[in-house]
């Protein structure tokens, strides 16, 4: 379980959050595209189930957080 808290894993998860943030700034179509591509990447490249669950949660969570923030600000 400690391997899920390593610096490398945290930075890797932040990469997906940053990608989703930048895609949301580009528009809702880009955000959806990045969401789908990120989930496909996770499904095909992450074979350790706890890490795959963590990464999927980060991807989906950042998608919905940035989506709701964009709706509140009217973008």
PDB file of N, CA and C in Angstrom:
ATOM      1  N   UNK A   1       0.820  -1.200   0.000  1.00  0.00           N
ATOM      2  CA  UNK A   1       0.000   0.000   0.000  1.00  0.00           C
ATOM      3  C   UNK A   1       0.863   1.262   0.000  1.00  0.00           C
ATOM      4  N   UNK A   2       2.047   1.170   0.536  1.00  0.00           N
ATOM      5  CA  UNK A   2       2.910   2.349   0.572  1.00  0.00           C
ATOM      6  C   UNK A   2       3.357   2.761  -0.827  1.00  0.00           C
ATOM      7  N   UNK A   3       3.361   1.819  -1.784  1.00  0.00           N
ATOM      8  CA  UNK A   3       3.777   2.182  -3.131  1.00  0.00           C
ATOM      9  C   UNK A   3       2.807   3.164  -3.778  1.00  0.00           C
ATOM     10  N   UNK A   4       1.567   3.220  -3.285  1.00  0.00           N
ATOM     11  CA  UNK A   4       0.605   4.173  -3.822  1.00  0.00           C
ATOM     12  C   UNK A   4       0.889   5.598  -3.370  1.00  0.00           C
ATOM     13  N   UNK A   5       1.743   5.749  -2.366  1.00  0.00           N
ATOM     14  CA  UNK A   5       2.025   7.072  -1.836  1.00  0.00           C
ATOM     15  C   UNK A   5       3.412   7.581  -2.194  1.00  0.00           C
ATOM     16  N   UNK A   6       4.068   6.947  -3.137  1.00  0.00           N
ATOM     17  CA  UNK A   6       5.404   7.400  -3.515  1.00  0.00           C
ATOM     18  C   UNK A   6       5.311   8.711  -4.308  1.00  0.00           C
ATOM     19  N   UNK A   7       6.403   9.428  -4.335  1.00  0.00           N
ATOM     20  CA  UNK A   7       6.446  10.711  -5.027  1.00  0.00           C
ATOM     21  C   UNK A   7       6.192  10.526  -6.521  1.00  0.00           C
ATOM     22  N   UNK A   8       6.745   9.480  -7.090  1.00  0.00           N
ATOM     23  CA  UNK A   8       6.557   9.241  -8.525  1.00  0.00           C
ATOM     24  C   UNK A   8       5.087   9.004  -8.860  1.00  0.00           C
ATOM     25  N   UNK A   9       4.398   8.245  -8.036  1.00  0.00           N
ATOM     26  CA  UNK A   9       2.977   7.960  -8.282  1.00  0.00           C
ATOM     27  C   UNK A   9       2.158   9.233  -8.133  1.00  0.00           C
ATOM     28  N   UNK A  10       2.448  10.025  -7.133  1.00  0.00           N
ATOM     29  CA  UNK A  10       1.711  11.274  -6.919  1.00  0.00           C
ATOM     30  C   UNK A  10       1.925  12.229  -8.089  1.00  0.00           C
ATOM     31  N   UNK A  11       3.153  12.355  -8.557  1.00  0.00           N
ATOM     32  CA  UNK A  11       3.430  13.225  -9.707  1.00  0.00           C
ATOM     33  C   UNK A  11       2.745  12.710 -10.965  1.00  0.00           C
ATOM     34  N   UNK A  12       2.692  11.393 -11.131  1.00  0.00           N
ATOM     35  CA  UNK A  12       2.024  10.810 -12.288  1.00  0.00           C
ATOM     36  C   UNK A  12       0.529  11.111 -12.255  1.00  0.00           C
ATOM     37  N   UNK A  13      -0.071  11.071 -11.070  1.00  0.00           N
ATOM     38  CA  UNK A  13      -1.488  11.396 -10.943  1.00  0.00           C
ATOM     39  C   UNK A  13      -1.728  12.875 -11.204  1.00  0.00           C
ATOM     40  N   UNK A  14      -0.817  13.708 -10.765  1.00  0.00           N
ATOM     41  CA  UNK A  14      -0.949  15.146 -11.005  1.00  0.00           C
ATOM     42  C   UNK A  14      -0.835  15.479 -12.490  1.00  0.00           C
ATOM     43  N   UNK A  15      -0.112  14.657 -13.243  1.00  0.00           N
ATOM     44  CA  UNK A  15      -0.050  14.842 -14.690  1.00  0.00           C
ATOM     45  C   UNK A  15      -1.444  14.731 -15.302  1.00  0.00           C
ATOM     46  N   UNK A  16      -2.235  13.746 -14.858  1.00  0.00           N
ATOM     47  CA  UNK A  16      -3.577  13.572 -15.400  1.00  0.00           C
ATOM     48  C   UNK A  16      -4.504  14.712 -14.965  1.00  0.00           C
ATOM     49  N   UNK A  17      -4.323  15.201 -13.769  1.00  0.00           N
ATOM     50  CA  UNK A  17      -5.112  16.352 -13.318  1.00  0.00           C
ATOM     51  C   UNK A  17      -4.762  17.576 -14.152  1.00  0.00           C
ATOM     52  N   UNK A  18      -3.490  17.796 -14.386  1.00  0.00           N
ATOM     53  CA  UNK A  18      -3.053  18.931 -15.205  1.00  0.00           C
ATOM     54  C   UNK A  18      -3.565  18.809 -16.640  1.00  0.00           C
ATOM     55  N   UNK A  19      -3.502  17.615 -17.189  1.00  0.00           N
ATOM     56  CA  UNK A  19      -4.004  17.403 -18.550  1.00  0.00           C
ATOM     57  C   UNK A  19      -5.487  17.719 -18.627  1.00  0.00           C
ATOM     58  N   UNK A  20      -6.242  17.296 -17.615  1.00  0.00           N
ATOM     59  CA  UNK A  20      -7.681  17.564 -17.614  1.00  0.00           C
ATOM     60  C   UNK A  20      -7.953  19.062 -17.430  1.00  0.00           C
ATOM     61  N   UNK A  21      -7.164  19.712 -16.609  1.00  0.00           N
ATOM     62  CA  UNK A  21      -7.325  21.155 -16.392  1.00  0.00           C
ATOM     63  C   UNK A  21      -7.076  21.928 -17.690  1.00  0.00           C
ATOM     64  N   UNK A  22      -5.992  21.602 -18.375  1.00  0.00           N
ATOM     65  CA  UNK A  22      -5.673  22.288 -19.626  1.00  0.00           C
ATOM     66  C   UNK A  22      -6.711  21.988 -20.705  1.00  0.00           C
ATOM     67  N   UNK A  23      -7.190  20.761 -20.742  1.00  0.00           N
ATOM     68  CA  UNK A  23      -8.214  20.407 -21.725  1.00  0.00           C
ATOM     69  C   UNK A  23      -9.509  21.146 -21.437  1.00  0.00           C
ATOM     70  N   UNK A  24      -9.850  21.306 -20.171  1.00  0.00           N
ATOM     71  CA  UNK A  24     -11.076  22.032 -19.814  1.00  0.00           C
ATOM     72  C   UNK A  24     -10.963  23.491 -20.227  1.00  0.00           C
ATOM     73  N   UNK A  25      -9.771  24.063 -20.135  1.00  0.00           N
ATOM     74  CA  UNK A  25      -9.562  25.443 -20.589  1.00  0.00           C
ATOM     75  C   UNK A  25      -9.748  25.553 -22.108  1.00  0.00           C
ATOM     76  N   UNK A  26      -9.417  24.490 -22.833  1.00  0.00           N
ATOM     77  CA  UNK A  26      -9.558  24.492 -24.285  1.00  0.00           C
ATOM     78  C   UNK A  26     -11.012  24.340 -24.714  1.00  0.00           C
ATOM     79  N   UNK A  27     -11.814  23.687 -23.891  1.00  0.00           N
ATOM     80  CA  UNK A  27     -13.230  23.528 -24.227  1.00  0.00           C
ATOM     81  C   UNK A  27     -13.768  22.185 -23.777  1.00  0.00           C
ATOM     82  N   UNK A  28     -15.093  22.052 -23.767  1.00  0.00           N
ATOM     83  CA  UNK A  28     -15.697  20.808 -23.279  1.00  0.00           C
ATOM     84  C   UNK A  28     -15.400  19.604 -24.174  1.00  0.00           C
ATOM     85  N   UNK A  29     -15.256  19.815 -25.469  1.00  0.00           N
ATOM     86  CA  UNK A  29     -14.924  18.710 -26.363  1.00  0.00           C
ATOM     87  C   UNK A  29     -13.535  18.161 -26.096  1.00  0.00           C
ATOM     88  N   UNK A  30     -12.603  19.062 -25.862  1.00  0.00           N
ATOM     89  CA  UNK A  30     -11.236  18.647 -25.548  1.00  0.00           C
ATOM     90  C   UNK A  30     -11.188  17.922 -24.216  1.00  0.00           C
ATOM     91  N   UNK A  31     -11.970  18.394 -23.251  1.00  0.00           N
ATOM     92  CA  UNK A  31     -11.990  17.755 -21.941  1.00  0.00           C
ATOM     93  C   UNK A  31     -12.530  16.334 -22.035  1.00  0.00           C
ATOM     94  N   UNK A  32     -13.560  16.146 -22.828  1.00  0.00           N
ATOM     95  CA  UNK A  32     -14.127  14.808 -22.998  1.00  0.00           C
ATOM     96  C   UNK A  32     -13.139  13.895 -23.720  1.00  0.00           C
ATOM     97  N   UNK A  33     -12.457  14.424 -24.702  1.00  0.00           N
ATOM     98  CA  UNK A  33     -11.454  13.651 -25.433  1.00  0.00           C
ATOM     99  C   UNK A  33     -10.315  13.221 -24.508  1.00  0.00           C
ATOM    100  N   UNK A  34      -9.826  14.131 -23.693  1.00  0.00           N
ATOM    101  CA  UNK A  34      -8.756  13.810 -22.750  1.00  0.00           C
ATOM    102  C   UNK A  34      -9.250  12.798 -21.717  1.00  0.00           C
ATOM    103  N   UNK A  35     -10.493  12.914 -21.283  1.00  0.00           N
ATOM    104  CA  UNK A  35     -11.055  11.956 -20.339  1.00  0.00           C
ATOM    105  C   UNK A  35     -11.026  10.549 -20.928  1.00  0.00           C
ATOM    106  N   UNK A  36     -11.539  10.407 -22.132  1.00  0.00           N
ATOM    107  CA  UNK A  36     -11.600   9.086 -22.770  1.00  0.00           C
ATOM    108  C   UNK A  36     -10.200   8.527 -23.012  1.00  0.00           C
ATOM    109  N   UNK A  37      -9.308   9.355 -23.530  1.00  0.00           N
ATOM    110  CA  UNK A  37      -7.942   8.890 -23.785  1.00  0.00           C
ATOM    111  C   UNK A  37      -7.214   8.509 -22.498  1.00  0.00           C
ATOM    112  N   UNK A  38      -7.430   9.265 -21.433  1.00  0.00           N
ATOM    113  CA  UNK A  38      -6.801   8.952 -20.150  1.00  0.00           C
ATOM    114  C   UNK A  38      -7.317   7.637 -19.578  1.00  0.00           C
ATOM    115  N   UNK A  39      -8.617   7.408 -19.697  1.00  0.00           N
ATOM    116  CA  UNK A  39      -9.179   6.152 -19.203  1.00  0.00           C
ATOM    117  C   UNK A  39      -8.707   4.962 -20.031  1.00  0.00           C
ATOM    118  N   UNK A  40      -8.589   5.145 -21.334  1.00  0.00           N
ATOM    119  CA  UNK A  40      -8.061   4.068 -22.180  1.00  0.00           C
ATOM    120  C   UNK A  40      -6.606   3.782 -21.821  1.00  0.00           C
ATOM    121  N   UNK A  41      -5.824   4.837 -21.620  1.00  0.00           N
ATOM    122  CA  UNK A  41      -4.423   4.674 -21.222  1.00  0.00           C
ATOM    123  C   UNK A  41      -4.331   3.893 -19.910  1.00  0.00           C
ATOM    124  N   UNK A  42      -5.154   4.242 -18.954  1.00  0.00           N
ATOM    125  CA  UNK A  42      -5.140   3.558 -17.666  1.00  0.00           C
ATOM    126  C   UNK A  42      -5.508   2.087 -17.835  1.00  0.00           C
ATOM    127  N   UNK A  43      -6.531   1.799 -18.617  1.00  0.00           N
ATOM    128  CA  UNK A  43      -6.989   0.420 -18.796  1.00  0.00           C
ATOM    129  C   UNK A  43      -5.955  -0.439 -19.509  1.00  0.00           C
ATOM    130  N   UNK A  44      -5.158   0.161 -20.377  1.00  0.00           N
ATOM    131  CA  UNK A  44      -4.205  -0.634 -21.149  1.00  0.00           C
ATOM    132  C   UNK A  44      -2.786  -0.638 -20.594  1.00  0.00           C
ATOM    133  N   UNK A  45      -2.465   0.263 -19.655  1.00  0.00           N
ATOM    134  CA  UNK A  45      -1.088   0.364 -19.186  1.00  0.00           C
ATOM    135  C   UNK A  45      -0.894   0.158 -17.684  1.00  0.00           C
ATOM    136  N   UNK A  46      -1.945   0.182 -16.904  1.00  0.00           N
ATOM    137  CA  UNK A  46      -1.797   0.029 -15.458  1.00  0.00           C
ATOM    138  C   UNK A  46      -2.393  -1.312 -15.065  1.00  0.00           C
ATOM    139  N   UNK A  47      -1.547  -2.215 -14.587  1.00  0.00           N
ATOM    140  CA  UNK A  47      -1.989  -3.571 -14.297  1.00  0.00           C
ATOM    141  C   UNK A  47      -2.059  -3.884 -12.805  1.00  0.00           C
ATOM    142  N   UNK A  48      -1.714  -2.949 -11.950  1.00  0.00           N
ATOM    143  CA  UNK A  48      -1.813  -3.120 -10.502  1.00  0.00           C
ATOM    144  C   UNK A  48      -3.165  -2.547 -10.079  1.00  0.00           C
ATOM    145  N   UNK A  49      -4.120  -3.397  -9.684  1.00  0.00           N
ATOM    146  CA  UNK A  49      -5.504  -2.927  -9.448  1.00  0.00           C
ATOM    147  C   UNK A  49      -5.647  -1.727  -8.507  1.00  0.00           C
ATOM    148  N   UNK A  50      -4.975  -1.672  -7.353  1.00  0.00           N
ATOM    149  CA  UNK A  50      -5.150  -0.473  -6.520  1.00  0.00           C
ATOM    150  C   UNK A  50      -4.684   0.809  -7.208  1.00  0.00           C
ATOM    151  N   UNK A  51      -3.612   0.713  -7.974  1.00  0.00           N
ATOM    152  CA  UNK A  51      -3.119   1.880  -8.689  1.00  0.00           C
ATOM    153  C   UNK A  51      -4.072   2.268  -9.823  1.00  0.00           C
ATOM    154  N   UNK A  52      -4.637   1.282 -10.492  1.00  0.00           N
ATOM    155  CA  UNK A  52      -5.603   1.562 -11.554  1.00  0.00           C
ATOM    156  C   UNK A  52      -6.850   2.231 -10.991  1.00  0.00           C
ATOM    157  N   UNK A  53      -7.296   1.792  -9.829  1.00  0.00           N
ATOM    158  CA  UNK A  53      -8.461   2.411  -9.182  1.00  0.00           C
ATOM    159  C   UNK A  53      -8.141   3.840  -8.772  1.00  0.00           C
ATOM    160  N   UNK A  54      -6.962   4.048  -8.193  1.00  0.00           N
ATOM    161  CA  UNK A  54      -6.548   5.401  -7.804  1.00  0.00           C
ATOM    162  C   UNK A  54      -6.487   6.315  -9.011  1.00  0.00           C
ATOM    163  N   UNK A  55      -5.872   5.847 -10.078  1.00  0.00           N
ATOM    164  CA  UNK A  55      -5.722   6.682 -11.269  1.00  0.00           C
ATOM    165  C   UNK A  55      -7.073   6.979 -11.912  1.00  0.00           C
ATOM    166  N   UNK A  56      -7.947   5.993 -11.981  1.00  0.00           N
ATOM    167  CA  UNK A  56      -9.284   6.213 -12.537  1.00  0.00           C
ATOM    168  C   UNK A  56     -10.056   7.224 -11.707  1.00  0.00           C
ATOM    169  N   UNK A  57      -9.941   7.115 -10.393  1.00  0.00           N
ATOM    170  CA  UNK A  57     -10.625   8.068  -9.509  1.00  0.00           C
ATOM    171  C   UNK A  57     -10.084   9.482  -9.702  1.00  0.00           C
ATOM    172  N   UNK A  58      -8.780   9.618  -9.872  1.00  0.00           N
ATOM    173  CA  UNK A  58      -8.194  10.939 -10.097  1.00  0.00           C
ATOM    174  C   UNK A  58      -8.662  11.528 -11.424  1.00  0.00           C
ATOM    175  N   UNK A  59      -8.715  10.713 -12.451  1.00  0.00           N
ATOM    176  CA  UNK A  59      -9.128  11.185 -13.772  1.00  0.00           C
ATOM    177  C   UNK A  59     -10.589  11.617 -13.738  1.00  0.00           C
ATOM    178  N   UNK A  60     -11.457  10.748 -13.239  1.00  0.00           N
ATOM    179  CA  UNK A  60     -12.885  11.077 -13.183  1.00  0.00           C
ATOM    180  C   UNK A  60     -13.159  12.234 -12.230  1.00  0.00           C
ATOM    181  N   UNK A  61     -12.477  12.234 -11.095  1.00  0.00           N
ATOM    182  CA  UNK A  61     -12.670  13.311 -10.127  1.00  0.00           C
ATOM    183  C   UNK A  61     -12.279  14.661 -10.684  1.00  0.00           C
ATOM    184  N   UNK A  62     -11.135  14.724 -11.345  1.00  0.00           N
ATOM    185  CA  UNK A  62     -10.707  16.012 -11.902  1.00  0.00           C
ATOM    186  C   UNK A  62     -11.628  16.444 -13.042  1.00  0.00           C
ATOM    187  N   UNK A  63     -12.125  15.495 -13.824  1.00  0.00           N
ATOM    188  CA  UNK A  63     -13.059  15.832 -14.894  1.00  0.00           C
ATOM    189  C   UNK A  63     -14.312  16.491 -14.322  1.00  0.00           C
ATOM    190  N   UNK A  64     -14.895  15.883 -13.289  1.00  0.00           N
ATOM    191  CA  UNK A  64     -16.136  16.417 -12.731  1.00  0.00           C
ATOM    192  C   UNK A  64     -15.912  17.690 -11.920  1.00  0.00           C
ATOM    193  N   UNK A  65     -14.786  17.801 -11.233  1.00  0.00           N
ATOM    194  CA  UNK A  65     -14.498  19.033 -10.478  1.00  0.00           C
ATOM    195  C   UNK A  65     -14.308  20.207 -11.430  1.00  0.00           C
ATOM    196  N   UNK A  66     -13.525  20.021 -12.481  1.00  0.00           N
ATOM    197  CA  UNK A  66     -13.296  21.116 -13.425  1.00  0.00           C
ATOM    198  C   UNK A  66     -14.546  21.414 -14.234  1.00  0.00           C
ATOM    199  N   UNK A  67     -15.385  20.405 -14.484  1.00  0.00           N
ATOM    200  CA  UNK A  67     -16.635  20.641 -15.207  1.00  0.00           C
ATOM    201  C   UNK A  67     -17.586  21.486 -14.377  1.00  0.00           C
ATOM    202  N   UNK A  68     -17.724  21.142 -13.097  1.00  0.00           N
ATOM    203  CA  UNK A  68     -18.629  21.905 -12.242  1.00  0.00           C
ATOM    204  C   UNK A  68     -18.120  23.326 -12.017  1.00  0.00           C
ATOM    205  N   UNK A  69     -16.788  23.478 -11.943  1.00  0.00           N
ATOM    206  CA  UNK A  69     -16.224  24.818 -11.782  1.00  0.00           C
ATOM    207  C   UNK A  69     -16.481  25.661 -13.030  1.00  0.00           C
ATOM    208  N   UNK A  70     -16.369  25.054 -14.196  1.00  0.00           N
ATOM    209  CA  UNK A  70     -16.629  25.776 -15.450  1.00  0.00           C
ATOM    210  C   UNK A  70     -18.089  26.177 -15.540  1.00  0.00           C
ATOM    211  N   UNK A  71     -18.985  25.343 -15.065  1.00  0.00           N
ATOM    212  CA  UNK A  71     -20.412  25.677 -15.087  1.00  0.00           C
ATOM    213  C   UNK A  71     -20.736  26.833 -14.144  1.00  0.00           C
ATOM    214  N   UNK A  72     -20.075  26.856 -12.986  1.00  0.00           N
ATOM    215  CA  UNK A  72     -20.331  27.937 -12.016  1.00  0.00           C
ATOM    216  C   UNK A  72     -19.849  29.285 -12.546  1.00  0.00           C
ATOM    217  N   UNK A  73     -18.728  29.262 -13.271  1.00  0.00           N
ATOM    218  CA  UNK A  73     -18.192  30.523 -13.777  1.00  0.00           C
ATOM    219  C   UNK A  73     -18.779  30.908 -15.123  1.00  0.00           C
ATOM    220  N   UNK A  74     -19.571  30.030 -15.714  1.00  0.00           N
ATOM    221  CA  UNK A  74     -20.228  30.342 -16.970  1.00  0.00           C
ATOM    222  C   UNK A  74     -19.388  30.132 -18.201  1.00  0.00           C
ATOM    223  N   UNK A  75     -18.333  29.333 -18.106  1.00  0.00           N
ATOM    224  CA  UNK A  75     -17.462  29.089 -19.266  1.00  0.00           C
ATOM    225  C   UNK A  75     -17.868  27.832 -19.976  1.00  0.00           C
TER     226      UNK A  75
END
